[in-house]
């Protein structure tokens, strides 16, 4: 497994922006696809965005398309989630996740990811 540490969460007003970072260690970062999930109180953890290891292809949950951008810097072993035009419904704990190396499959599914961070709180006030 890989160790993942998220940062960058906080409190922001609706319409504002935040950038989450996730630093990885313990395994070759560039060989794993990376994802962001979130979990609001009383709800299940849901997919937000993912970026593949091979071509850097990106995938987004419909409600964040056009507002969130996932990116990765393999030299820094870090994946980012730029979140713009934030809404109160984006309030959740955001988790970074990594797949096993050379994974090909559905990146929208939680089961695709074998390593998870501890999460960072994002709160959007109205």
C-alpha atoms as a PDB file:
ATOM      1  CA  UNK A   1       0.000   0.000   0.000  1.00  0.00           C
ATOM      2  CA  UNK A   2       0.910   3.646  -0.262  1.00  0.00           C
ATOM      3  CA  UNK A   3       0.666   6.233   2.493  1.00  0.00           C
ATOM      4  CA  UNK A   4      -1.467   9.262   1.638  1.00  0.00           C
ATOM      5  CA  UNK A   5      -1.713  12.570   3.485  1.00  0.00           C
ATOM      6  CA  UNK A   6      -4.281  15.173   2.476  1.00  0.00           C
ATOM      7  CA  UNK A   7      -4.076  18.895   3.170  1.00  0.00           C
ATOM      8  CA  UNK A   8      -5.720  22.122   2.081  1.00  0.00           C
ATOM      9  CA  UNK A   9      -9.192  21.761   3.517  1.00  0.00           C
ATOM     10  CA  UNK A  10     -10.910  24.513   5.436  1.00  0.00           C
ATOM     11  CA  UNK A  11     -13.870  26.869   5.675  1.00  0.00           C
ATOM     12  CA  UNK A  12     -14.818  28.924   2.630  1.00  0.00           C
ATOM     13  CA  UNK A  13     -17.820  30.941   1.544  1.00  0.00           C
ATOM     14  CA  UNK A  14     -20.022  29.804  -1.295  1.00  0.00           C
ATOM     15  CA  UNK A  15     -18.475  30.767  -4.609  1.00  0.00           C
ATOM     16  CA  UNK A  16     -14.971  30.519  -3.222  1.00  0.00           C
ATOM     17  CA  UNK A  17     -12.097  28.193  -4.046  1.00  0.00           C
ATOM     18  CA  UNK A  18      -9.856  25.697  -2.312  1.00  0.00           C
ATOM     19  CA  UNK A  19      -7.026  23.479  -3.510  1.00  0.00           C
ATOM     20  CA  UNK A  20      -6.574  20.117  -1.875  1.00  0.00           C
ATOM     21  CA  UNK A  21      -3.257  18.309  -1.987  1.00  0.00           C
ATOM     22  CA  UNK A  22      -2.436  14.672  -1.351  1.00  0.00           C
ATOM     23  CA  UNK A  23       1.165  13.626  -0.786  1.00  0.00           C
ATOM     24  CA  UNK A  24       2.007   9.977  -1.426  1.00  0.00           C
ATOM     25  CA  UNK A  25       4.852   7.820  -0.162  1.00  0.00           C
ATOM     26  CA  UNK A  26       5.787   4.170   0.067  1.00  0.00           C
ATOM     27  CA  UNK A  27       5.159   3.048  -3.506  1.00  0.00           C
ATOM     28  CA  UNK A  28       5.943   4.298  -6.997  1.00  0.00           C
ATOM     29  CA  UNK A  29       3.405   7.081  -7.307  1.00  0.00           C
ATOM     30  CA  UNK A  30       3.399   7.362 -11.078  1.00  0.00           C
ATOM     31  CA  UNK A  31       2.232   3.760 -11.451  1.00  0.00           C
ATOM     32  CA  UNK A  32      -1.036   4.296  -9.575  1.00  0.00           C
ATOM     33  CA  UNK A  33      -4.215   5.996 -10.622  1.00  0.00           C
ATOM     34  CA  UNK A  34      -5.383   8.502  -8.045  1.00  0.00           C
ATOM     35  CA  UNK A  35      -8.810   9.575  -6.927  1.00  0.00           C
ATOM     36  CA  UNK A  36     -10.707  11.928  -4.670  1.00  0.00           C
ATOM     37  CA  UNK A  37     -13.836  10.870  -2.810  1.00  0.00           C
ATOM     38  CA  UNK A  38     -15.976  12.712  -0.302  1.00  0.00           C
ATOM     39  CA  UNK A  39     -18.317  11.850   2.522  1.00  0.00           C
ATOM     40  CA  UNK A  40     -20.921  14.191   3.936  1.00  0.00           C
ATOM     41  CA  UNK A  41     -22.529  13.564   7.341  1.00  0.00           C
ATOM     42  CA  UNK A  42     -25.047  10.749   7.151  1.00  0.00           C
ATOM     43  CA  UNK A  43     -24.133   9.874   3.577  1.00  0.00           C
ATOM     44  CA  UNK A  44     -22.004   7.260   1.906  1.00  0.00           C
ATOM     45  CA  UNK A  45     -18.577   8.049   0.554  1.00  0.00           C
ATOM     46  CA  UNK A  46     -18.910   9.116  -3.069  1.00  0.00           C
ATOM     47  CA  UNK A  47     -16.644   9.502  -6.061  1.00  0.00           C
ATOM     48  CA  UNK A  48     -15.509  13.030  -6.939  1.00  0.00           C
ATOM     49  CA  UNK A  49     -12.669  12.768  -9.449  1.00  0.00           C
ATOM     50  CA  UNK A  50      -9.878  10.502 -10.653  1.00  0.00           C
ATOM     51  CA  UNK A  51      -6.779  10.660 -12.824  1.00  0.00           C
ATOM     52  CA  UNK A  52      -5.242   7.630 -14.478  1.00  0.00           C
ATOM     53  CA  UNK A  53      -1.640   6.509 -14.137  1.00  0.00           C
ATOM     54  CA  UNK A  54      -1.108   5.731 -17.814  1.00  0.00           C
ATOM     55  CA  UNK A  55      -2.344   8.677 -19.867  1.00  0.00           C
ATOM     56  CA  UNK A  56      -3.385  11.074 -17.132  1.00  0.00           C
ATOM     57  CA  UNK A  57      -6.988  10.790 -18.250  1.00  0.00           C
ATOM     58  CA  UNK A  58      -9.415  12.504 -15.908  1.00  0.00           C
ATOM     59  CA  UNK A  59     -12.882  11.567 -14.704  1.00  0.00           C
ATOM     60  CA  UNK A  60     -15.431  13.601 -12.755  1.00  0.00           C
ATOM     61  CA  UNK A  61     -18.681  13.167 -10.939  1.00  0.00           C
ATOM     62  CA  UNK A  62     -21.368  15.097 -12.802  1.00  0.00           C
ATOM     63  CA  UNK A  63     -22.041  17.697 -10.104  1.00  0.00           C
ATOM     64  CA  UNK A  64     -18.401  18.859 -10.042  1.00  0.00           C
ATOM     65  CA  UNK A  65     -17.712  18.941 -13.777  1.00  0.00           C
ATOM     66  CA  UNK A  66     -16.594  22.383 -14.840  1.00  0.00           C
ATOM     67  CA  UNK A  67     -15.865  23.408 -11.241  1.00  0.00           C
ATOM     68  CA  UNK A  68     -13.261  20.929  -9.992  1.00  0.00           C
ATOM     69  CA  UNK A  69      -9.984  19.954 -11.635  1.00  0.00           C
ATOM     70  CA  UNK A  70      -7.826  16.986 -10.678  1.00  0.00           C
ATOM     71  CA  UNK A  71      -4.145  16.978 -11.563  1.00  0.00           C
ATOM     72  CA  UNK A  72      -0.976  15.181 -10.567  1.00  0.00           C
ATOM     73  CA  UNK A  73       2.716  15.996 -10.295  1.00  0.00           C
ATOM     74  CA  UNK A  74       4.642  12.742 -10.494  1.00  0.00           C
ATOM     75  CA  UNK A  75       7.917  14.492  -9.637  1.00  0.00           C
ATOM     76  CA  UNK A  76       6.409  15.599  -6.321  1.00  0.00           C
ATOM     77  CA  UNK A  77       4.355  12.439  -5.683  1.00  0.00           C
ATOM     78  CA  UNK A  78       1.326  14.650  -5.234  1.00  0.00           C
ATOM     79  CA  UNK A  79      -2.201  14.804  -6.575  1.00  0.00           C
ATOM     80  CA  UNK A  80      -4.312  17.951  -6.405  1.00  0.00           C
ATOM     81  CA  UNK A  81      -7.975  18.847  -6.485  1.00  0.00           C
ATOM     82  CA  UNK A  82      -8.676  22.444  -7.450  1.00  0.00           C
ATOM     83  CA  UNK A  83     -12.195  23.316  -6.374  1.00  0.00           C
ATOM     84  CA  UNK A  84     -13.821  26.482  -7.713  1.00  0.00           C
ATOM     85  CA  UNK A  85     -17.330  27.904  -7.420  1.00  0.00           C
ATOM     86  CA  UNK A  86     -17.859  25.942  -4.247  1.00  0.00           C
ATOM     87  CA  UNK A  87     -21.379  25.278  -3.028  1.00  0.00           C
ATOM     88  CA  UNK A  88     -22.706  24.388   0.434  1.00  0.00           C
ATOM     89  CA  UNK A  89     -23.496  20.907  -0.880  1.00  0.00           C
ATOM     90  CA  UNK A  90     -19.774  20.364  -1.459  1.00  0.00           C
ATOM     91  CA  UNK A  91     -19.309  20.304   2.318  1.00  0.00           C
ATOM     92  CA  UNK A  92     -17.775  16.956   3.263  1.00  0.00           C
ATOM     93  CA  UNK A  93     -14.642  15.182   4.339  1.00  0.00           C
ATOM     94  CA  UNK A  94     -12.508  14.712   1.234  1.00  0.00           C
ATOM     95  CA  UNK A  95     -10.394  11.578   0.909  1.00  0.00           C
ATOM     96  CA  UNK A  96      -7.497  10.866  -1.398  1.00  0.00           C
ATOM     97  CA  UNK A  97      -7.115   7.316  -2.713  1.00  0.00           C
ATOM     98  CA  UNK A  98      -4.686   5.293  -4.818  1.00  0.00           C
ATOM     99  CA  UNK A  99      -5.093   2.158  -6.906  1.00  0.00           C
ATOM    100  CA  UNK A 100      -2.641  -0.714  -6.977  1.00  0.00           C
ATOM    101  CA  UNK A 101       0.067  -0.250  -9.605  1.00  0.00           C
ATOM    102  CA  UNK A 102      -0.864  -0.587 -13.281  1.00  0.00           C
ATOM    103  CA  UNK A 103      -4.571  -0.867 -12.499  1.00  0.00           C
ATOM    104  CA  UNK A 104      -6.946  -0.891 -15.459  1.00  0.00           C
ATOM    105  CA  UNK A 105     -10.591  -0.654 -14.553  1.00  0.00           C
ATOM    106  CA  UNK A 106     -13.434   1.458 -13.356  1.00  0.00           C
ATOM    107  CA  UNK A 107     -11.998   4.445 -11.514  1.00  0.00           C
ATOM    108  CA  UNK A 108     -15.441   5.585 -10.411  1.00  0.00           C
ATOM    109  CA  UNK A 109     -15.674   2.690  -7.959  1.00  0.00           C
ATOM    110  CA  UNK A 110     -14.347   2.691  -4.399  1.00  0.00           C
ATOM    111  CA  UNK A 111     -13.258  -0.905  -4.862  1.00  0.00           C
ATOM    112  CA  UNK A 112     -10.674   0.198  -7.423  1.00  0.00           C
ATOM    113  CA  UNK A 113      -8.625   1.888  -4.708  1.00  0.00           C
ATOM    114  CA  UNK A 114      -6.558   0.024  -2.138  1.00  0.00           C
ATOM    115  CA  UNK A 115      -5.003   2.921  -0.216  1.00  0.00           C
ATOM    116  CA  UNK A 116      -6.778   5.802   1.475  1.00  0.00           C
ATOM    117  CA  UNK A 117      -5.805   8.946   3.313  1.00  0.00           C
ATOM    118  CA  UNK A 118      -7.287  10.143   6.582  1.00  0.00           C
ATOM    119  CA  UNK A 119      -9.333  12.887   4.953  1.00  0.00           C
ATOM    120  CA  UNK A 120      -9.525  16.655   5.122  1.00  0.00           C
ATOM    121  CA  UNK A 121     -12.626  18.646   6.038  1.00  0.00           C
ATOM    122  CA  UNK A 122     -14.102  21.074   3.533  1.00  0.00           C
ATOM    123  CA  UNK A 123     -16.889  23.317   4.773  1.00  0.00           C
ATOM    124  CA  UNK A 124     -18.701  25.723   2.459  1.00  0.00           C
ATOM    125  CA  UNK A 125     -20.882  28.335   4.119  1.00  0.00           C
ATOM    126  CA  UNK A 126     -23.873  29.925   2.392  1.00  0.00           C
END
